C-alpha cells in the first residue's frame, strides 16, 4: 500500500507534513527553537517528539559552546 498524504503536504515544510517520517526529517533540519519546542510538546508521534528533543539539545549545546567561547575574551572571566 502506498503511503498516504494530503494534497497540502505538497505545499508545507517537512516539519508540518502529515507523514511522521517527514516530520522527523524536518525536525532534524530545523533551527527554530520555538517550533522545535512545540513539536516536543504536541506532536502525536513519539518518534517526532524525540527527534525534535534531540535537535533542541544539539542547538542548545552549540549555543552554550558559543557563549563559553565568547566569554573567554571578556575581562574578569
N, C-alpha and C. Protein backbone atom coordinates (compact mmCIF):
# COMPACT_ATOMS: atom_id res chain seq x y z
N UNK A 1 0.85 -1.18 0.00
CA UNK A 1 0.00 0.00 0.00
C UNK A 1 0.90 1.25 0.00
N UNK A 2 0.61 2.17 -0.85
CA UNK A 2 1.39 3.41 -0.96
C UNK A 2 1.13 4.30 0.25
N UNK A 3 2.15 5.04 0.69
CA UNK A 3 1.95 5.95 1.82
C UNK A 3 0.88 6.99 1.47
N UNK A 4 0.08 7.32 2.45
CA UNK A 4 -0.96 8.32 2.24
C UNK A 4 -0.43 9.70 2.56
N UNK A 5 -0.88 10.67 1.83
CA UNK A 5 -0.52 12.04 2.11
C UNK A 5 -1.67 12.94 1.72
N UNK A 6 -1.63 14.14 2.23
CA UNK A 6 -2.64 15.14 1.89
C UNK A 6 -2.10 16.01 0.77
N UNK A 7 -2.98 16.57 0.01
CA UNK A 7 -2.58 17.48 -1.04
C UNK A 7 -1.79 18.65 -0.45
N UNK A 8 -2.18 19.09 0.72
CA UNK A 8 -1.49 20.21 1.37
C UNK A 8 -0.03 19.87 1.69
N UNK A 9 0.30 18.56 1.79
CA UNK A 9 1.68 18.16 2.06
C UNK A 9 2.64 18.64 0.98
N UNK A 10 2.12 18.90 -0.20
CA UNK A 10 2.97 19.40 -1.29
C UNK A 10 3.43 20.84 -1.06
N UNK A 11 2.73 21.55 -0.16
CA UNK A 11 2.97 22.98 0.00
C UNK A 11 3.46 23.37 1.39
N UNK A 12 3.71 22.42 2.26
CA UNK A 12 4.14 22.74 3.62
C UNK A 12 5.57 22.29 3.87
N UNK A 13 6.18 22.86 4.87
CA UNK A 13 7.52 22.45 5.28
C UNK A 13 7.47 21.03 5.81
N UNK A 14 8.60 20.36 5.77
CA UNK A 14 8.64 18.96 6.22
C UNK A 14 8.16 18.78 7.65
N UNK A 15 8.47 19.72 8.51
CA UNK A 15 8.08 19.55 9.91
C UNK A 15 6.56 19.61 10.10
N UNK A 16 5.82 20.05 9.08
CA UNK A 16 4.36 20.13 9.15
C UNK A 16 3.68 19.03 8.34
N UNK A 17 4.44 18.15 7.74
CA UNK A 17 3.93 17.09 6.87
C UNK A 17 3.04 16.13 7.65
N UNK A 18 2.08 15.51 7.01
CA UNK A 18 1.21 14.56 7.69
C UNK A 18 1.92 13.24 8.01
N UNK A 19 2.99 12.92 7.27
CA UNK A 19 3.74 11.69 7.48
C UNK A 19 4.80 11.93 8.58
N UNK A 20 4.77 11.16 9.66
CA UNK A 20 5.71 11.36 10.75
C UNK A 20 7.18 11.24 10.33
N UNK A 21 7.47 10.40 9.36
CA UNK A 21 8.86 10.26 8.91
C UNK A 21 9.38 11.57 8.32
N UNK A 22 8.54 12.26 7.58
CA UNK A 22 8.93 13.55 7.03
C UNK A 22 9.06 14.60 8.13
N UNK A 23 8.18 14.51 9.14
CA UNK A 23 8.28 15.47 10.26
C UNK A 23 9.58 15.24 11.04
N UNK A 24 9.99 13.98 11.19
CA UNK A 24 11.28 13.70 11.85
C UNK A 24 12.42 14.34 11.07
N UNK A 25 12.40 14.16 9.75
CA UNK A 25 13.44 14.77 8.91
C UNK A 25 13.42 16.29 9.05
N UNK A 26 12.22 16.84 9.09
CA UNK A 26 12.08 18.28 9.25
C UNK A 26 12.65 18.76 10.58
N UNK A 27 12.40 18.00 11.63
CA UNK A 27 12.91 18.37 12.95
C UNK A 27 14.44 18.37 12.96
N UNK A 28 15.03 17.42 12.26
CA UNK A 28 16.49 17.32 12.23
C UNK A 28 17.14 18.49 11.51
N UNK A 29 16.39 19.19 10.67
CA UNK A 29 16.93 20.30 9.89
C UNK A 29 16.59 21.67 10.48
N UNK A 30 15.61 21.71 11.38
CA UNK A 30 15.16 22.99 11.91
C UNK A 30 16.20 23.68 12.79
N UNK A 31 16.16 25.00 12.76
CA UNK A 31 16.98 25.81 13.65
C UNK A 31 16.11 26.68 14.54
N UNK A 32 14.81 26.64 14.33
CA UNK A 32 13.86 27.45 15.09
C UNK A 32 13.50 26.74 16.39
N UNK A 33 14.02 27.26 17.48
CA UNK A 33 13.83 26.63 18.80
C UNK A 33 12.36 26.62 19.19
N UNK A 34 11.63 27.67 18.87
CA UNK A 34 10.22 27.75 19.24
C UNK A 34 9.41 26.64 18.57
N UNK A 35 9.65 26.41 17.30
CA UNK A 35 8.92 25.35 16.59
C UNK A 35 9.31 23.98 17.15
N UNK A 36 10.59 23.78 17.41
CA UNK A 36 11.04 22.50 17.98
C UNK A 36 10.40 22.25 19.34
N UNK A 37 10.32 23.29 20.16
CA UNK A 37 9.70 23.13 21.48
C UNK A 37 8.24 22.73 21.34
N UNK A 38 7.53 23.33 20.38
CA UNK A 38 6.13 22.96 20.14
C UNK A 38 6.02 21.52 19.65
N UNK A 39 6.94 21.11 18.79
CA UNK A 39 6.91 19.73 18.31
C UNK A 39 7.10 18.74 19.47
N UNK A 40 8.01 19.07 20.38
CA UNK A 40 8.26 18.21 21.54
C UNK A 40 6.99 18.09 22.38
N UNK A 41 6.26 19.19 22.52
CA UNK A 41 5.08 19.21 23.38
C UNK A 41 3.85 18.58 22.76
N UNK A 42 3.62 18.81 21.45
CA UNK A 42 2.29 18.48 20.93
C UNK A 42 2.24 17.48 19.78
N UNK A 43 3.38 17.08 19.20
CA UNK A 43 3.28 16.14 18.09
C UNK A 43 2.74 14.81 18.58
N UNK A 44 1.87 14.21 17.79
CA UNK A 44 1.23 12.96 18.20
C UNK A 44 2.17 11.76 18.09
N UNK A 45 3.23 11.88 17.32
CA UNK A 45 4.15 10.77 17.12
C UNK A 45 5.34 10.88 18.07
N UNK A 46 5.57 9.83 18.84
CA UNK A 46 6.66 9.85 19.81
C UNK A 46 8.02 10.00 19.12
N UNK A 47 8.20 9.36 17.97
CA UNK A 47 9.46 9.47 17.25
C UNK A 47 9.76 10.89 16.82
N UNK A 48 8.72 11.61 16.43
CA UNK A 48 8.88 13.01 16.04
C UNK A 48 9.24 13.84 17.28
N UNK A 49 8.56 13.60 18.38
CA UNK A 49 8.88 14.32 19.62
C UNK A 49 10.33 14.07 20.04
N UNK A 50 10.78 12.83 19.92
CA UNK A 50 12.16 12.50 20.28
C UNK A 50 13.16 13.17 19.33
N UNK A 51 12.86 13.19 18.04
CA UNK A 51 13.75 13.84 17.07
C UNK A 51 13.84 15.34 17.35
N UNK A 52 12.71 15.95 17.68
CA UNK A 52 12.69 17.38 17.99
C UNK A 52 13.48 17.65 19.27
N UNK A 53 13.32 16.81 20.27
CA UNK A 53 14.05 16.98 21.53
C UNK A 53 15.56 16.84 21.30
N UNK A 54 15.93 15.88 20.48
CA UNK A 54 17.36 15.68 20.18
C UNK A 54 17.93 16.92 19.48
N UNK A 55 17.18 17.44 18.51
CA UNK A 55 17.65 18.63 17.79
C UNK A 55 17.74 19.83 18.72
N UNK A 56 16.78 19.99 19.63
CA UNK A 56 16.84 21.07 20.61
C UNK A 56 18.10 20.96 21.46
N UNK A 57 18.41 19.74 21.89
CA UNK A 57 19.61 19.53 22.70
C UNK A 57 20.86 19.89 21.91
N UNK A 58 20.90 19.53 20.64
CA UNK A 58 22.05 19.87 19.79
C UNK A 58 22.21 21.39 19.67
N UNK A 59 21.09 22.07 19.41
CA UNK A 59 21.15 23.53 19.26
C UNK A 59 21.56 24.21 20.56
N UNK A 60 21.06 23.70 21.68
CA UNK A 60 21.43 24.27 22.98
C UNK A 60 22.90 24.04 23.28
N UNK A 61 23.43 22.89 22.89
CA UNK A 61 24.85 22.60 23.11
C UNK A 61 25.72 23.54 22.28
N UNK A 62 25.32 23.77 21.04
CA UNK A 62 26.07 24.68 20.17
C UNK A 62 26.02 26.09 20.75
N UNK A 63 24.84 26.50 21.21
CA UNK A 63 24.69 27.84 21.80
C UNK A 63 25.56 27.98 23.04
N UNK A 64 25.57 26.97 23.89
CA UNK A 64 26.38 27.00 25.11
C UNK A 64 27.87 27.07 24.78
N UNK A 65 28.30 26.29 23.80
CA UNK A 65 29.70 26.31 23.39
C UNK A 65 30.09 27.69 22.86
N UNK A 66 29.21 28.30 22.08
CA UNK A 66 29.48 29.62 21.52
C UNK A 66 29.54 30.66 22.63
N UNK A 67 28.67 30.56 23.61
CA UNK A 67 28.68 31.51 24.73
C UNK A 67 29.95 31.36 25.55
N UNK A 68 30.38 30.14 25.78
CA UNK A 68 31.62 29.92 26.53
C UNK A 68 32.82 30.49 25.77
N UNK A 69 32.82 30.29 24.48
CA UNK A 69 33.91 30.79 23.64
C UNK A 69 33.95 32.33 23.69
N UNK A 70 32.78 32.94 23.65
CA UNK A 70 32.71 34.40 23.71
C UNK A 70 33.17 34.94 25.06
N UNK A 71 32.92 34.19 26.12
CA UNK A 71 33.28 34.63 27.46
C UNK A 71 34.80 34.60 27.67
N UNK A 72 35.53 33.83 26.92
CA UNK A 72 36.97 33.74 27.08
C UNK A 72 37.64 35.09 26.85
N UNK A 73 37.07 35.89 25.97
CA UNK A 73 37.67 37.18 25.66
C UNK A 73 37.21 38.31 26.56
N UNK A 74 36.29 38.02 27.50
CA UNK A 74 35.76 39.06 28.38
C UNK A 74 36.65 39.17 29.62
N UNK A 75 37.15 40.39 29.92
CA UNK A 75 38.00 40.56 31.10
C UNK A 75 37.24 40.20 32.39
N UNK A 76 37.93 39.57 33.32
CA UNK A 76 37.34 39.21 34.60
C UNK A 76 36.62 37.88 34.59
N UNK A 77 36.70 37.16 33.52
CA UNK A 77 36.04 35.85 33.43
C UNK A 77 37.06 34.74 33.40
